[in-house]
Amino acid sequence: HASDIDVLILCGGSATDLPKQTPELAKHFKVVDSFD
């Protein structure tokens, strides 16, 4: 669905999700996260 998405908003948790997801998905999408 990469061609259908302008920005991907990441709503996983900061403990285990975002440290892995944000760097990986930033290779393929414009992303925003709430890493806290």
All heavy atoms as atom14 arrays in JSON, in Angstrom:
{
  "sequence": "HASDIDVLILCGGSATDLPKQTPELAKHFKVVDSFD",
  "atom14_mask": [
    [1, 1, 1, 1, 1, 1, 1, 1, 1, 1, 0, 0, 0, 0],
    [1, 1, 1, 1, 1, 0, 0, 0, 0, 0, 0, 0, 0, 0],
    [1, 1, 1, 1, 1, 1, 0, 0, 0, 0, 0, 0, 0, 0],
    [1, 1, 1, 1, 1, 1, 1, 1, 0, 0, 0, 0, 0, 0],
    [1, 1, 1, 1, 1, 1, 1, 1, 0, 0, 0, 0, 0, 0],
    [1, 1, 1, 1, 1, 1, 1, 1, 0, 0, 0, 0, 0, 0],
    [1, 1, 1, 1, 1, 1, 1, 0, 0, 0, 0, 0, 0, 0],
    [1, 1, 1, 1, 1, 1, 1, 1, 0, 0, 0, 0, 0, 0],
    [1, 1, 1, 1, 1, 1, 1, 1, 0, 0, 0, 0, 0, 0],
    [1, 1, 1, 1, 1, 1, 1, 1, 0, 0, 0, 0, 0, 0],
    [1, 1, 1, 1, 1, 1, 0, 0, 0, 0, 0, 0, 0, 0],
    [1, 1, 1, 1, 0, 0, 0, 0, 0, 0, 0, 0, 0, 0],
    [1, 1, 1, 1, 0, 0, 0, 0, 0, 0, 0, 0, 0, 0],
    [1, 1, 1, 1, 1, 1, 0, 0, 0, 0, 0, 0, 0, 0],
    [1, 1, 1, 1, 1, 0, 0, 0, 0, 0, 0, 0, 0, 0],
    [1, 1, 1, 1, 1, 1, 1, 0, 0, 0, 0, 0, 0, 0],
    [1, 1, 1, 1, 1, 1, 1, 1, 0, 0, 0, 0, 0, 0],
    [1, 1, 1, 1, 1, 1, 1, 1, 0, 0, 0, 0, 0, 0],
    [1, 1, 1, 1, 1, 1, 1, 0, 0, 0, 0, 0, 0, 0],
    [1, 1, 1, 1, 1, 1, 1, 1, 1, 0, 0, 0, 0, 0],
    [1, 1, 1, 1, 1, 1, 1, 1, 1, 0, 0, 0, 0, 0],
    [1, 1, 1, 1, 1, 1, 1, 0, 0, 0, 0, 0, 0, 0],
    [1, 1, 1, 1, 1, 1, 1, 0, 0, 0, 0, 0, 0, 0],
    [1, 1, 1, 1, 1, 1, 1, 1, 1, 0, 0, 0, 0, 0],
    [1, 1, 1, 1, 1, 1, 1, 1, 0, 0, 0, 0, 0, 0],
    [1, 1, 1, 1, 1, 0, 0, 0, 0, 0, 0, 0, 0, 0],
    [1, 1, 1, 1, 1, 1, 1, 1, 1, 0, 0, 0, 0, 0],
    [1, 1, 1, 1, 1, 1, 1, 1, 1, 1, 0, 0, 0, 0],
    [1, 1, 1, 1, 1, 1, 1, 1, 1, 1, 1, 0, 0, 0],
    [1, 1, 1, 1, 1, 1, 1, 1, 1, 0, 0, 0, 0, 0],
    [1, 1, 1, 1, 1, 1, 1, 0, 0, 0, 0, 0, 0, 0],
    [1, 1, 1, 1, 1, 1, 1, 0, 0, 0, 0, 0, 0, 0],
    [1, 1, 1, 1, 1, 1, 1, 1, 0, 0, 0, 0, 0, 0],
    [1, 1, 1, 1, 1, 1, 0, 0, 0, 0, 0, 0, 0, 0],
    [1, 1, 1, 1, 1, 1, 1, 1, 1, 1, 1, 0, 0, 0],
    [1, 1, 1, 1, 1, 1, 1, 1, 0, 0, 0, 0, 0, 0]
  ],
  "atom14_positions": [
    [[0.82, -1.21, 0.0], [0.0, 0.0, 0.0], [0.86, 1.27, 0.0], [0.33, 2.36, 0.19], [-0.93, 0.0, 1.21], [-1.89, -1.14, 1.24], [-3.16, -1.06, 0.72], [-1.75, -2.41, 1.72], [-3.77, -2.22, 0.88], [-2.95, -3.06, 1.48], [0.0, 0.0, 0.0], [0.0, 0.0, 0.0], [0.0, 0.0, 0.0], [0.0, 0.0, 0.0]],
    [[2.16, 1.1, -0.22], [3.07, 2.25, -0.11], [2.68, 3.39, -1.05], [2.76, 4.57, -0.68], [4.51, 1.8, -0.39], [0.0, 0.0, 0.0], [0.0, 0.0, 0.0], [0.0, 0.0, 0.0], [0.0, 0.0, 0.0], [0.0, 0.0, 0.0], [0.0, 0.0, 0.0], [0.0, 0.0, 0.0], [0.0, 0.0, 0.0], [0.0, 0.0, 0.0]],
    [[2.21, 3.06, -2.25], [1.87, 4.11, -3.22], [0.58, 4.83, -2.86], [0.27, 5.89, -3.41], [1.77, 3.53, -4.62], [0.75, 2.55, -4.68], [0.0, 0.0, 0.0], [0.0, 0.0, 0.0], [0.0, 0.0, 0.0], [0.0, 0.0, 0.0], [0.0, 0.0, 0.0], [0.0, 0.0, 0.0], [0.0, 0.0, 0.0], [0.0, 0.0, 0.0]],
    [[-0.2, 4.26, -1.92], [-1.49, 4.85, -1.55], [-1.39, 5.75, -0.32], [-2.36, 6.43, 0.04], [-2.51, 3.75, -1.24], [-2.73, 2.82, -2.41], [-2.7, 3.3, -3.56], [-2.91, 1.61, -2.17], [0.0, 0.0, 0.0], [0.0, 0.0, 0.0], [0.0, 0.0, 0.0], [0.0, 0.0, 0.0], [0.0, 0.0, 0.0], [0.0, 0.0, 0.0]],
    [[-0.23, 5.74, 0.35], [-0.09, 6.42, 1.63], [0.91, 7.57, 1.52], [2.06, 7.38, 1.12], [0.38, 5.43, 2.72], [-0.67, 4.35, 2.95], [0.69, 6.15, 4.04], [-0.21, 3.2, 3.83], [0.0, 0.0, 0.0], [0.0, 0.0, 0.0], [0.0, 0.0, 0.0], [0.0, 0.0, 0.0], [0.0, 0.0, 0.0], [0.0, 0.0, 0.0]],
    [[0.45, 8.77, 1.88], [1.35, 9.93, 1.92], [2.14, 9.98, 3.21], [3.34, 10.3, 3.19], [0.55, 11.22, 1.76], [-0.1, 11.34, 0.39], [0.58, 11.06, -0.61], [-1.29, 11.71, 0.32], [0.0, 0.0, 0.0], [0.0, 0.0, 0.0], [0.0, 0.0, 0.0], [0.0, 0.0, 0.0], [0.0, 0.0, 0.0], [0.0, 0.0, 0.0]],
    [[1.5, 9.71, 4.33], [2.17, 9.72, 5.64], [1.62, 8.56, 6.46], [0.42, 8.34, 6.52], [1.94, 11.04, 6.41], [2.75, 11.04, 7.7], [2.3, 12.24, 5.55], [0.0, 0.0, 0.0], [0.0, 0.0, 0.0], [0.0, 0.0, 0.0], [0.0, 0.0, 0.0], [0.0, 0.0, 0.0], [0.0, 0.0, 0.0], [0.0, 0.0, 0.0]],
    [[2.55, 7.85, 7.12], [2.19, 6.74, 8.0], [2.37, 7.18, 9.45], [3.46, 7.62, 9.84], [3.06, 5.53, 7.68], [2.77, 4.23, 8.44], [1.38, 3.7, 8.07], [3.84, 3.19, 8.11], [0.0, 0.0, 0.0], [0.0, 0.0, 0.0], [0.0, 0.0, 0.0], [0.0, 0.0, 0.0], [0.0, 0.0, 0.0], [0.0, 0.0, 0.0]],
    [[1.31, 7.1, 10.24], [1.37, 7.49, 11.65], [1.53, 6.22, 12.49], [0.69, 5.33, 12.43], [0.11, 8.27, 12.06], [-0.04, 9.51, 11.17], [0.19, 8.67, 13.54], [-1.28, 10.35, 11.48], [0.0, 0.0, 0.0], [0.0, 0.0, 0.0], [0.0, 0.0, 0.0], [0.0, 0.0, 0.0], [0.0, 0.0, 0.0], [0.0, 0.0, 0.0]],
    [[2.6, 6.18, 13.27], [2.95, 4.98, 14.03], [2.38, 5.07, 15.43], [2.72, 6.0, 16.19], [4.47, 4.8, 14.07], [5.2, 4.91, 12.72], [6.67, 4.58, 12.89], [4.55, 4.01, 11.68], [0.0, 0.0, 0.0], [0.0, 0.0, 0.0], [0.0, 0.0, 0.0], [0.0, 0.0, 0.0], [0.0, 0.0, 0.0], [0.0, 0.0, 0.0]],
    [[1.56, 4.12, 15.81], [0.84, 4.16, 17.09], [1.19, 3.01, 18.0], [0.42, 2.65, 18.9], [-0.66, 4.21, 16.83], [-1.18, 5.68, 15.93], [0.0, 0.0, 0.0], [0.0, 0.0, 0.0], [0.0, 0.0, 0.0], [0.0, 0.0, 0.0], [0.0, 0.0, 0.0], [0.0, 0.0, 0.0], [0.0, 0.0, 0.0], [0.0, 0.0, 0.0]],
    [[2.37, 2.42, 17.81], [2.83, 1.36, 18.7], [3.42, 1.93, 19.97], [3.48, 3.15, 20.17], [0.0, 0.0, 0.0], [0.0, 0.0, 0.0], [0.0, 0.0, 0.0], [0.0, 0.0, 0.0], [0.0, 0.0, 0.0], [0.0, 0.0, 0.0], [0.0, 0.0, 0.0], [0.0, 0.0, 0.0], [0.0, 0.0, 0.0], [0.0, 0.0, 0.0]],
    [[3.88, 1.05, 20.85], [4.43, 1.46, 22.13], [5.9, 1.81, 22.05], [6.63, 1.33, 21.17], [0.0, 0.0, 0.0], [0.0, 0.0, 0.0], [0.0, 0.0, 0.0], [0.0, 0.0, 0.0], [0.0, 0.0, 0.0], [0.0, 0.0, 0.0], [0.0, 0.0, 0.0], [0.0, 0.0, 0.0], [0.0, 0.0, 0.0], [0.0, 0.0, 0.0]],
    [[6.33, 2.64, 22.99], [7.72, 3.1, 23.0], [8.69, 2.05, 23.52], [9.89, 2.1, 23.22], [7.85, 4.37, 23.85], [7.14, 5.43, 23.28], [0.0, 0.0, 0.0], [0.0, 0.0, 0.0], [0.0, 0.0, 0.0], [0.0, 0.0, 0.0], [0.0, 0.0, 0.0], [0.0, 0.0, 0.0], [0.0, 0.0, 0.0], [0.0, 0.0, 0.0]],
    [[8.2, 1.12, 24.32], [9.1, 0.16, 24.95], [9.73, -0.79, 23.93], [10.95, -0.96, 23.89], [8.35, -0.64, 26.02], [0.0, 0.0, 0.0], [0.0, 0.0, 0.0], [0.0, 0.0, 0.0], [0.0, 0.0, 0.0], [0.0, 0.0, 0.0], [0.0, 0.0, 0.0], [0.0, 0.0, 0.0], [0.0, 0.0, 0.0], [0.0, 0.0, 0.0]],
    [[8.9, -1.39, 23.08], [9.42, -2.39, 22.15], [9.06, -2.15, 20.69], [9.79, -2.58, 19.8], [8.92, -3.8, 22.55], [7.48, -3.79, 22.57], [9.43, -4.19, 23.93], [0.0, 0.0, 0.0], [0.0, 0.0, 0.0], [0.0, 0.0, 0.0], [0.0, 0.0, 0.0], [0.0, 0.0, 0.0], [0.0, 0.0, 0.0], [0.0, 0.0, 0.0]],
    [[7.94, -1.46, 20.41], [7.49, -1.29, 19.03], [8.28, -0.23, 18.27], [8.9, -0.52, 17.24], [6.0, -0.92, 18.99], [5.1, -2.02, 19.5], [5.47, -3.2, 19.36], [4.04, -1.7, 20.06], [0.0, 0.0, 0.0], [0.0, 0.0, 0.0], [0.0, 0.0, 0.0], [0.0, 0.0, 0.0], [0.0, 0.0, 0.0], [0.0, 0.0, 0.0]],
    [[8.23, 1.0, 18.74], [8.77, 2.13, 17.97], [10.28, 2.08, 17.76], [10.75, 2.49, 16.69], [8.35, 3.45, 18.62], [6.83, 3.69, 18.65], [6.51, 5.0, 19.35], [6.23, 3.68, 17.25], [0.0, 0.0, 0.0], [0.0, 0.0, 0.0], [0.0, 0.0, 0.0], [0.0, 0.0, 0.0], [0.0, 0.0, 0.0], [0.0, 0.0, 0.0]],
    [[11.08, 1.62, 18.74], [12.52, 1.57, 18.47], [12.87, 0.73, 17.25], [13.87, 0.99, 16.57], [13.1, 0.95, 19.75], [12.13, 1.31, 20.81], [10.77, 1.24, 20.13], [0.0, 0.0, 0.0], [0.0, 0.0, 0.0], [0.0, 0.0, 0.0], [0.0, 0.0, 0.0], [0.0, 0.0, 0.0], [0.0, 0.0, 0.0], [0.0, 0.0, 0.0]],
    [[12.04, -0.26, 16.96], [12.27, -1.1, 15.78], [11.48, -0.6, 14.57], [12.0, -0.51, 13.46], [11.87, -2.55, 16.1], [12.06, -3.5, 14.94], [11.65, -4.92, 15.31], [11.8, -5.88, 14.13], [11.36, -7.26, 14.49], [0.0, 0.0, 0.0], [0.0, 0.0, 0.0], [0.0, 0.0, 0.0], [0.0, 0.0, 0.0], [0.0, 0.0, 0.0]],
    [[10.19, -0.26, 14.79], [9.31, 0.07, 13.68], [9.68, 1.38, 12.99], [9.68, 1.45, 11.75], [7.86, 0.16, 14.18], [7.21, -1.17, 14.46], [5.77, -1.0, 14.95], [5.34, 0.11, 15.25], [5.04, -2.09, 15.03], [0.0, 0.0, 0.0], [0.0, 0.0, 0.0], [0.0, 0.0, 0.0], [0.0, 0.0, 0.0], [0.0, 0.0, 0.0]],
    [[9.95, 2.42, 13.77], [10.18, 3.73, 13.14], [11.38, 3.72, 12.2], [11.27, 4.16, 11.04], [10.29, 4.84, 14.19], [9.21, 4.75, 15.11], [10.27, 6.22, 13.53], [0.0, 0.0, 0.0], [0.0, 0.0, 0.0], [0.0, 0.0, 0.0], [0.0, 0.0, 0.0], [0.0, 0.0, 0.0], [0.0, 0.0, 0.0], [0.0, 0.0, 0.0]],
    [[12.56, 3.24, 12.63], [13.68, 3.19, 11.67], [13.39, 2.32, 10.46], [13.75, 2.69, 9.33], [14.84, 2.62, 12.5], [14.47, 2.86, 13.92], [12.97, 2.77, 13.97], [0.0, 0.0, 0.0], [0.0, 0.0, 0.0], [0.0, 0.0, 0.0], [0.0, 0.0, 0.0], [0.0, 0.0, 0.0], [0.0, 0.0, 0.0], [0.0, 0.0, 0.0]],
    [[12.72, 1.2, 10.66], [12.46, 0.3, 9.54], [11.47, 0.92, 8.55], [11.69, 0.92, 7.33], [11.91, -1.03, 10.08], [11.63, -2.06, 8.99], [12.87, -2.45, 8.19], [13.96, -2.49, 8.78], [12.73, -2.68, 6.97], [0.0, 0.0, 0.0], [0.0, 0.0, 0.0], [0.0, 0.0, 0.0], [0.0, 0.0, 0.0], [0.0, 0.0, 0.0]],
    [[10.39, 1.5, 9.06], [9.36, 2.05, 8.17], [9.77, 3.38, 7.56], [9.29, 3.75, 6.49], [8.05, 2.19, 8.94], [7.4, 0.85, 9.33], [6.22, 1.06, 10.27], [6.95, 0.09, 8.08], [0.0, 0.0, 0.0], [0.0, 0.0, 0.0], [0.0, 0.0, 0.0], [0.0, 0.0, 0.0], [0.0, 0.0, 0.0], [0.0, 0.0, 0.0]],
    [[10.68, 4.11, 8.22], [11.15, 5.38, 7.67], [11.94, 5.19, 6.37], [12.14, 6.15, 5.62], [12.01, 6.12, 8.69], [0.0, 0.0, 0.0], [0.0, 0.0, 0.0], [0.0, 0.0, 0.0], [0.0, 0.0, 0.0], [0.0, 0.0, 0.0], [0.0, 0.0, 0.0], [0.0, 0.0, 0.0], [0.0, 0.0, 0.0], [0.0, 0.0, 0.0]],
    [[12.38, 3.97, 6.1], [13.05, 3.7, 4.83], [12.07, 3.77, 3.66], [12.47, 4.03, 2.52], [13.67, 2.29, 4.86], [14.76, 2.08, 5.89], [15.19, 0.62, 5.88], [16.2, 0.32, 6.96], [16.55, -1.13, 7.02], [0.0, 0.0, 0.0], [0.0, 0.0, 0.0], [0.0, 0.0, 0.0], [0.0, 0.0, 0.0], [0.0, 0.0, 0.0]],
    [[10.78, 3.53, 3.94], [9.8, 3.37, 2.88], [8.63, 4.36, 2.92], [7.9, 4.48, 1.94], [9.22, 1.94, 2.95], [10.26, 0.87, 3.03], [11.06, 0.51, 1.96], [10.66, 0.1, 4.08], [11.89, -0.44, 2.33], [11.67, -0.72, 3.6], [0.0, 0.0, 0.0], [0.0, 0.0, 0.0], [0.0, 0.0, 0.0], [0.0, 0.0, 0.0]],
    [[8.48, 5.06, 4.06], [7.34, 5.97, 4.23], [7.77, 7.26, 4.92], [8.76, 7.28, 5.67], [6.25, 5.33, 5.11], [5.63, 4.09, 4.57], [6.17, 2.84, 4.86], [4.48, 4.16, 3.78], [5.58, 1.68, 4.37], [3.89, 3.01, 3.29], [4.44, 1.76, 3.58], [0.0, 0.0, 0.0], [0.0, 0.0, 0.0], [0.0, 0.0, 0.0]],
    [[7.0, 8.31, 4.7], [7.06, 9.47, 5.61], [6.33, 9.04, 6.87], [5.2, 8.55, 6.8], [6.39, 10.68, 4.97], [7.08, 11.17, 3.7], [6.37, 12.34, 3.08], [5.15, 11.92, 2.27], [5.51, 11.15, 1.07], [0.0, 0.0, 0.0], [0.0, 0.0, 0.0], [0.0, 0.0, 0.0], [0.0, 0.0, 0.0], [0.0, 0.0, 0.0]],
    [[6.97, 9.21, 8.03], [6.39, 8.69, 9.27], [6.39, 9.74, 10.38], [7.18, 10.69, 10.37], [7.15, 7.43, 9.77], [7.09, 6.31, 8.75], [8.59, 7.76, 10.13], [0.0, 0.0, 0.0], [0.0, 0.0, 0.0], [0.0, 0.0, 0.0], [0.0, 0.0, 0.0], [0.0, 0.0, 0.0], [0.0, 0.0, 0.0], [0.0, 0.0, 0.0]],
    [[5.48, 9.53, 11.32], [5.43, 10.32, 12.55], [5.21, 9.34, 13.69], [4.37, 8.44, 13.58], [4.28, 11.36, 12.53], [4.27, 12.18, 13.83], [4.42, 12.28, 11.34], [0.0, 0.0, 0.0], [0.0, 0.0, 0.0], [0.0, 0.0, 0.0], [0.0, 0.0, 0.0], [0.0, 0.0, 0.0], [0.0, 0.0, 0.0], [0.0, 0.0, 0.0]],
    [[5.98, 9.51, 14.8], [5.75, 8.65, 15.95], [5.66, 9.46, 17.24], [5.9, 10.67, 17.26], [6.8, 7.52, 16.04], [8.14, 7.93, 16.66], [8.24, 9.01, 17.27], [9.12, 7.14, 16.54], [0.0, 0.0, 0.0], [0.0, 0.0, 0.0], [0.0, 0.0, 0.0], [0.0, 0.0, 0.0], [0.0, 0.0, 0.0], [0.0, 0.0, 0.0]],
    [[5.28, 8.75, 18.32], [5.13, 9.4, 19.63], [6.09, 8.79, 20.65], [5.76, 8.66, 21.83], [3.69, 9.28, 20.13], [3.34, 7.9, 20.28], [0.0, 0.0, 0.0], [0.0, 0.0, 0.0], [0.0, 0.0, 0.0], [0.0, 0.0, 0.0], [0.0, 0.0, 0.0], [0.0, 0.0, 0.0], [0.0, 0.0, 0.0], [0.0, 0.0, 0.0]],
    [[7.28, 8.42, 20.21], [8.28, 7.8, 21.09], [8.5, 8.69, 22.31], [8.88, 9.86, 22.17], [9.59, 7.59, 20.33], [10.65, 6.9, 21.14], [10.61, 5.53, 21.32], [11.69, 7.61, 21.71], [11.59, 4.88, 22.05], [12.68, 6.98, 22.45], [12.63, 5.61, 22.62], [0.0, 0.0, 0.0], [0.0, 0.0, 0.0], [0.0, 0.0, 0.0]],
    [[8.28, 8.15, 23.52], [8.28, 9.02, 24.69], [9.22, 8.58, 25.81], [9.08, 9.03, 26.96], [6.86, 9.17, 25.24], [6.28, 7.87, 25.77], [6.96, 6.82, 25.71], [5.13, 7.89, 26.27], [0.0, 0.0, 0.0], [0.0, 0.0, 0.0], [0.0, 0.0, 0.0], [0.0, 0.0, 0.0], [0.0, 0.0, 0.0], [0.0, 0.0, 0.0]]
  ]
}
